[in-house]
Amino acid sequence: MLWRAKGSASHRVLGWVWALAMLALAAISFDIRMSKSGGFSLIHLLSLWVVIAVPRLIWRARRHDVKGHRAMVRGLSIFALLVAGFFTFPFHRMLGVWLFQ
């Protein structure tokens, strides 16, 4: 999607797929509460931010605010990858256990 022509039909379709996938994964993450005796943890703040940011991202695209849309896509992608990645690799988490033990 990053290398396709911006504003094309395939860009819009893949954008909707990406947005819906982000929202679905964020919603699913609220049901994952293995730490803190079944409560929410700091990683859920990222999910909450995704639930707020993705509709704003779509709104900017529909308003043809290319600059704002591009900035939000980059920010959301980088933030989601780096922060979510950081929170998934500590040694006490499942992925950290799988990779490092």
N, C-alpha and C. Protein backbone atom coordinates (compact mmCIF):
# COMPACT_ATOMS: atom_id res chain seq x y z
N MET A 1 0.81 -1.18 0.00
CA MET A 1 0.00 0.00 0.00
C MET A 1 0.87 1.26 0.00
N LEU A 2 2.02 1.18 0.64
CA LEU A 2 2.89 2.34 0.72
C LEU A 2 3.46 2.73 -0.64
N TRP A 3 3.58 1.77 -1.55
CA TRP A 3 4.20 2.04 -2.84
C TRP A 3 3.18 2.22 -3.97
N ARG A 4 1.92 2.06 -3.67
CA ARG A 4 0.88 2.23 -4.69
C ARG A 4 0.56 3.72 -4.87
N ALA A 5 -0.10 4.02 -5.95
CA ALA A 5 -0.52 5.40 -6.20
C ALA A 5 -1.54 5.82 -5.13
N LYS A 6 -1.30 6.96 -4.56
CA LYS A 6 -2.19 7.45 -3.50
C LYS A 6 -3.51 7.92 -4.12
N GLY A 7 -4.60 7.60 -3.46
CA GLY A 7 -5.91 8.01 -3.94
C GLY A 7 -6.53 7.08 -4.96
N SER A 8 -5.81 6.05 -5.37
CA SER A 8 -6.36 5.11 -6.35
C SER A 8 -7.39 4.21 -5.67
N ALA A 9 -8.12 3.48 -6.48
CA ALA A 9 -9.14 2.57 -5.93
C ALA A 9 -8.50 1.51 -5.04
N SER A 10 -7.37 0.97 -5.46
CA SER A 10 -6.72 -0.07 -4.64
C SER A 10 -6.20 0.53 -3.32
N HIS A 11 -5.75 1.77 -3.36
CA HIS A 11 -5.29 2.43 -2.13
C HIS A 11 -6.45 2.58 -1.15
N ARG A 12 -7.60 2.98 -1.67
CA ARG A 12 -8.77 3.14 -0.80
C ARG A 12 -9.24 1.80 -0.24
N VAL A 13 -9.28 0.78 -1.08
CA VAL A 13 -9.73 -0.54 -0.61
C VAL A 13 -8.77 -1.08 0.45
N LEU A 14 -7.48 -1.03 0.16
CA LEU A 14 -6.51 -1.52 1.14
C LEU A 14 -6.50 -0.66 2.40
N GLY A 15 -6.78 0.62 2.26
CA GLY A 15 -6.88 1.49 3.42
C GLY A 15 -8.03 1.08 4.33
N TRP A 16 -9.17 0.77 3.73
CA TRP A 16 -10.31 0.30 4.52
C TRP A 16 -10.00 -1.03 5.19
N VAL A 17 -9.34 -1.92 4.47
CA VAL A 17 -8.97 -3.22 5.05
C VAL A 17 -8.04 -3.00 6.25
N TRP A 18 -7.04 -2.14 6.08
CA TRP A 18 -6.09 -1.84 7.15
C TRP A 18 -6.80 -1.21 8.35
N ALA A 19 -7.68 -0.23 8.09
CA ALA A 19 -8.40 0.45 9.17
C ALA A 19 -9.30 -0.52 9.93
N LEU A 20 -10.02 -1.34 9.22
CA LEU A 20 -10.91 -2.30 9.88
C LEU A 20 -10.11 -3.35 10.66
N ALA A 21 -8.97 -3.76 10.11
CA ALA A 21 -8.12 -4.72 10.83
C ALA A 21 -7.57 -4.09 12.11
N MET A 22 -7.14 -2.84 12.04
CA MET A 22 -6.63 -2.16 13.24
C MET A 22 -7.72 -2.04 14.30
N LEU A 23 -8.92 -1.66 13.89
CA LEU A 23 -10.03 -1.53 14.84
C LEU A 23 -10.42 -2.88 15.42
N ALA A 24 -10.44 -3.92 14.59
CA ALA A 24 -10.79 -5.26 15.08
C ALA A 24 -9.76 -5.76 16.08
N LEU A 25 -8.49 -5.58 15.77
CA LEU A 25 -7.44 -6.03 16.69
C LEU A 25 -7.45 -5.24 17.99
N ALA A 26 -7.72 -3.95 17.90
CA ALA A 26 -7.81 -3.15 19.12
C ALA A 26 -8.99 -3.62 19.97
N ALA A 27 -10.12 -3.90 19.34
CA ALA A 27 -11.29 -4.38 20.07
C ALA A 27 -11.01 -5.74 20.72
N ILE A 28 -10.37 -6.61 19.98
CA ILE A 28 -10.03 -7.93 20.52
C ILE A 28 -9.08 -7.82 21.70
N SER A 29 -8.17 -6.86 21.63
CA SER A 29 -7.17 -6.72 22.70
C SER A 29 -7.80 -6.37 24.05
N PHE A 30 -8.98 -5.76 24.03
CA PHE A 30 -9.64 -5.43 25.30
C PHE A 30 -10.11 -6.69 26.02
N ASP A 31 -10.21 -7.80 25.30
CA ASP A 31 -10.61 -9.06 25.92
C ASP A 31 -9.40 -9.84 26.45
N ILE A 32 -8.21 -9.40 26.12
CA ILE A 32 -7.00 -10.07 26.59
C ILE A 32 -6.54 -9.37 27.87
N ARG A 33 -6.79 -10.01 28.99
CA ARG A 33 -6.44 -9.41 30.28
C ARG A 33 -5.79 -10.48 31.17
N MET A 34 -4.62 -10.94 30.74
CA MET A 34 -3.95 -12.00 31.48
C MET A 34 -3.14 -11.47 32.66
N SER A 35 -2.71 -10.22 32.59
CA SER A 35 -1.92 -9.67 33.69
C SER A 35 -2.83 -8.92 34.66
N LYS A 36 -2.31 -8.62 35.83
CA LYS A 36 -3.02 -7.86 36.85
C LYS A 36 -4.35 -8.50 37.23
N SER A 37 -4.35 -9.79 37.39
CA SER A 37 -5.54 -10.54 37.83
C SER A 37 -6.76 -10.27 36.96
N GLY A 38 -6.57 -10.25 35.67
CA GLY A 38 -7.69 -10.07 34.76
C GLY A 38 -8.06 -8.63 34.48
N GLY A 39 -7.26 -7.68 34.95
CA GLY A 39 -7.56 -6.27 34.70
C GLY A 39 -6.86 -5.76 33.45
N PHE A 40 -7.05 -4.50 33.20
CA PHE A 40 -6.41 -3.88 32.05
C PHE A 40 -5.00 -3.46 32.41
N SER A 41 -4.12 -3.40 31.40
CA SER A 41 -2.74 -2.99 31.61
C SER A 41 -2.42 -1.78 30.73
N LEU A 42 -1.21 -1.31 30.80
CA LEU A 42 -0.81 -0.13 30.03
C LEU A 42 -0.93 -0.34 28.52
N ILE A 43 -0.76 -1.55 28.07
CA ILE A 43 -0.85 -1.81 26.63
C ILE A 43 -2.26 -1.51 26.11
N HIS A 44 -3.25 -1.58 26.97
CA HIS A 44 -4.61 -1.27 26.55
C HIS A 44 -4.78 0.21 26.20
N LEU A 45 -3.91 1.06 26.70
CA LEU A 45 -3.95 2.48 26.31
C LEU A 45 -3.65 2.63 24.82
N LEU A 46 -2.75 1.80 24.31
CA LEU A 46 -2.47 1.81 22.87
C LEU A 46 -3.72 1.42 22.09
N SER A 47 -4.43 0.41 22.56
CA SER A 47 -5.66 -0.01 21.90
C SER A 47 -6.71 1.09 21.93
N LEU A 48 -6.82 1.76 23.05
CA LEU A 48 -7.77 2.87 23.16
C LEU A 48 -7.39 3.98 22.19
N TRP A 49 -6.09 4.26 22.08
CA TRP A 49 -5.62 5.29 21.16
C TRP A 49 -5.94 4.90 19.71
N VAL A 50 -5.80 3.64 19.37
CA VAL A 50 -6.12 3.18 18.01
C VAL A 50 -7.60 3.37 17.72
N VAL A 51 -8.45 3.06 18.70
CA VAL A 51 -9.90 3.21 18.52
C VAL A 51 -10.26 4.67 18.29
N ILE A 52 -9.52 5.58 18.87
CA ILE A 52 -9.77 7.01 18.67
C ILE A 52 -9.12 7.51 17.38
N ALA A 53 -7.90 7.06 17.09
CA ALA A 53 -7.13 7.60 15.97
C ALA A 53 -7.62 7.12 14.60
N VAL A 54 -8.03 5.88 14.48
CA VAL A 54 -8.42 5.35 13.17
C VAL A 54 -9.63 6.09 12.58
N PRO A 55 -10.69 6.35 13.34
CA PRO A 55 -11.78 7.15 12.76
C PRO A 55 -11.33 8.56 12.35
N ARG A 56 -10.44 9.16 13.12
CA ARG A 56 -9.92 10.48 12.74
C ARG A 56 -9.11 10.38 11.45
N LEU A 57 -8.39 9.30 11.30
CA LEU A 57 -7.60 9.05 10.09
C LEU A 57 -8.51 8.94 8.87
N ILE A 58 -9.59 8.21 9.01
CA ILE A 58 -10.56 8.06 7.93
C ILE A 58 -11.23 9.40 7.63
N TRP A 59 -11.57 10.14 8.66
CA TRP A 59 -12.20 11.46 8.50
C TRP A 59 -11.29 12.39 7.69
N ARG A 60 -10.00 12.39 8.02
CA ARG A 60 -9.06 13.25 7.28
C ARG A 60 -8.95 12.83 5.82
N ALA A 61 -8.95 11.53 5.58
CA ALA A 61 -8.88 11.06 4.19
C ALA A 61 -10.13 11.47 3.42
N ARG A 62 -11.28 11.35 4.03
CA ARG A 62 -12.54 11.70 3.37
C ARG A 62 -12.66 13.20 3.13
N ARG A 63 -11.98 14.00 3.94
CA ARG A 63 -11.96 15.46 3.75
C ARG A 63 -10.88 15.88 2.76
N HIS A 64 -10.12 14.92 2.26
CA HIS A 64 -9.02 15.16 1.32
C HIS A 64 -7.90 15.97 1.97
N ASP A 65 -7.74 15.80 3.27
CA ASP A 65 -6.64 16.43 4.01
C ASP A 65 -5.43 15.51 3.89
N VAL A 66 -4.75 15.56 2.75
CA VAL A 66 -3.67 14.63 2.43
C VAL A 66 -2.54 14.75 3.45
N LYS A 67 -2.16 15.97 3.76
CA LYS A 67 -1.04 16.19 4.69
C LYS A 67 -1.35 15.61 6.08
N GLY A 68 -2.53 15.91 6.59
CA GLY A 68 -2.93 15.40 7.90
C GLY A 68 -3.11 13.89 7.89
N HIS A 69 -3.69 13.37 6.82
CA HIS A 69 -3.89 11.93 6.69
C HIS A 69 -2.55 11.20 6.67
N ARG A 70 -1.61 11.71 5.87
CA ARG A 70 -0.29 11.10 5.77
C ARG A 70 0.42 11.12 7.13
N ALA A 71 0.36 12.25 7.82
CA ALA A 71 1.01 12.35 9.14
C ALA A 71 0.40 11.38 10.14
N MET A 72 -0.93 11.24 10.12
CA MET A 72 -1.57 10.31 11.05
C MET A 72 -1.24 8.87 10.72
N VAL A 73 -1.21 8.52 9.43
CA VAL A 73 -0.87 7.14 9.03
C VAL A 73 0.54 6.81 9.49
N ARG A 74 1.47 7.71 9.22
CA ARG A 74 2.85 7.46 9.64
C ARG A 74 2.95 7.35 11.16
N GLY A 75 2.33 8.28 11.85
CA GLY A 75 2.38 8.25 13.32
C GLY A 75 1.76 7.00 13.90
N LEU A 76 0.58 6.64 13.39
CA LEU A 76 -0.10 5.45 13.90
C LEU A 76 0.69 4.19 13.59
N SER A 77 1.24 4.09 12.39
CA SER A 77 2.01 2.91 12.03
C SER A 77 3.27 2.79 12.86
N ILE A 78 4.02 3.86 12.96
CA ILE A 78 5.27 3.82 13.73
C ILE A 78 4.98 3.59 15.21
N PHE A 79 4.01 4.33 15.73
CA PHE A 79 3.68 4.20 17.16
C PHE A 79 3.19 2.79 17.46
N ALA A 80 2.31 2.28 16.60
CA ALA A 80 1.76 0.94 16.84
C ALA A 80 2.85 -0.12 16.75
N LEU A 81 3.73 0.00 15.78
CA LEU A 81 4.79 -1.00 15.63
C LEU A 81 5.81 -0.93 16.76
N LEU A 82 6.28 0.27 17.04
CA LEU A 82 7.33 0.40 18.06
C LEU A 82 6.82 0.18 19.47
N VAL A 83 5.73 0.84 19.81
CA VAL A 83 5.23 0.72 21.18
C VAL A 83 4.66 -0.68 21.43
N ALA A 84 3.85 -1.17 20.51
CA ALA A 84 3.30 -2.51 20.69
C ALA A 84 4.43 -3.54 20.72
N GLY A 85 5.40 -3.37 19.85
CA GLY A 85 6.55 -4.27 19.85
C GLY A 85 7.31 -4.23 21.16
N PHE A 86 7.49 -3.05 21.69
CA PHE A 86 8.19 -2.90 22.97
C PHE A 86 7.45 -3.62 24.08
N PHE A 87 6.12 -3.51 24.10
CA PHE A 87 5.34 -4.12 25.17
C PHE A 87 5.18 -5.63 25.00
N THR A 88 5.43 -6.17 23.81
CA THR A 88 5.25 -7.61 23.62
C THR A 88 6.51 -8.42 23.90
N PHE A 89 7.66 -7.78 23.98
CA PHE A 89 8.89 -8.53 24.14
C PHE A 89 9.47 -8.64 25.54
N PRO A 90 8.92 -8.00 26.57
CA PRO A 90 9.50 -8.23 27.90
C PRO A 90 9.49 -9.72 28.24
N PHE A 91 10.42 -10.10 29.05
CA PHE A 91 10.64 -11.52 29.30
C PHE A 91 9.47 -12.22 29.98
N HIS A 92 8.67 -11.52 30.73
CA HIS A 92 7.56 -12.17 31.44
C HIS A 92 6.32 -12.33 30.56
N ARG A 93 6.31 -11.76 29.37
CA ARG A 93 5.16 -11.90 28.48
C ARG A 93 5.33 -13.15 27.61
N MET A 94 4.23 -13.63 27.06
CA MET A 94 4.24 -14.89 26.32
C MET A 94 5.23 -14.87 25.15
N LEU A 95 5.23 -13.82 24.34
CA LEU A 95 6.14 -13.77 23.20
C LEU A 95 7.59 -13.70 23.65
N GLY A 96 7.85 -12.95 24.72
CA GLY A 96 9.20 -12.89 25.27
C GLY A 96 9.67 -14.24 25.78
N VAL A 97 8.77 -14.98 26.40
CA VAL A 97 9.10 -16.33 26.88
C VAL A 97 9.41 -17.25 25.71
N TRP A 98 8.58 -17.18 24.67
CA TRP A 98 8.81 -18.03 23.50
C TRP A 98 10.14 -17.73 22.83
N LEU A 99 10.50 -16.47 22.73
CA LEU A 99 11.70 -16.09 21.99
C LEU A 99 12.99 -16.19 22.80
N PHE A 100 12.93 -15.93 24.09
CA PHE A 100 14.13 -15.77 24.86
C PHE A 100 14.40 -16.88 25.88
N GLN A 101 13.53 -17.86 25.95
CA GLN A 101 13.79 -18.95 26.90
C GLN A 101 13.77 -20.30 26.22
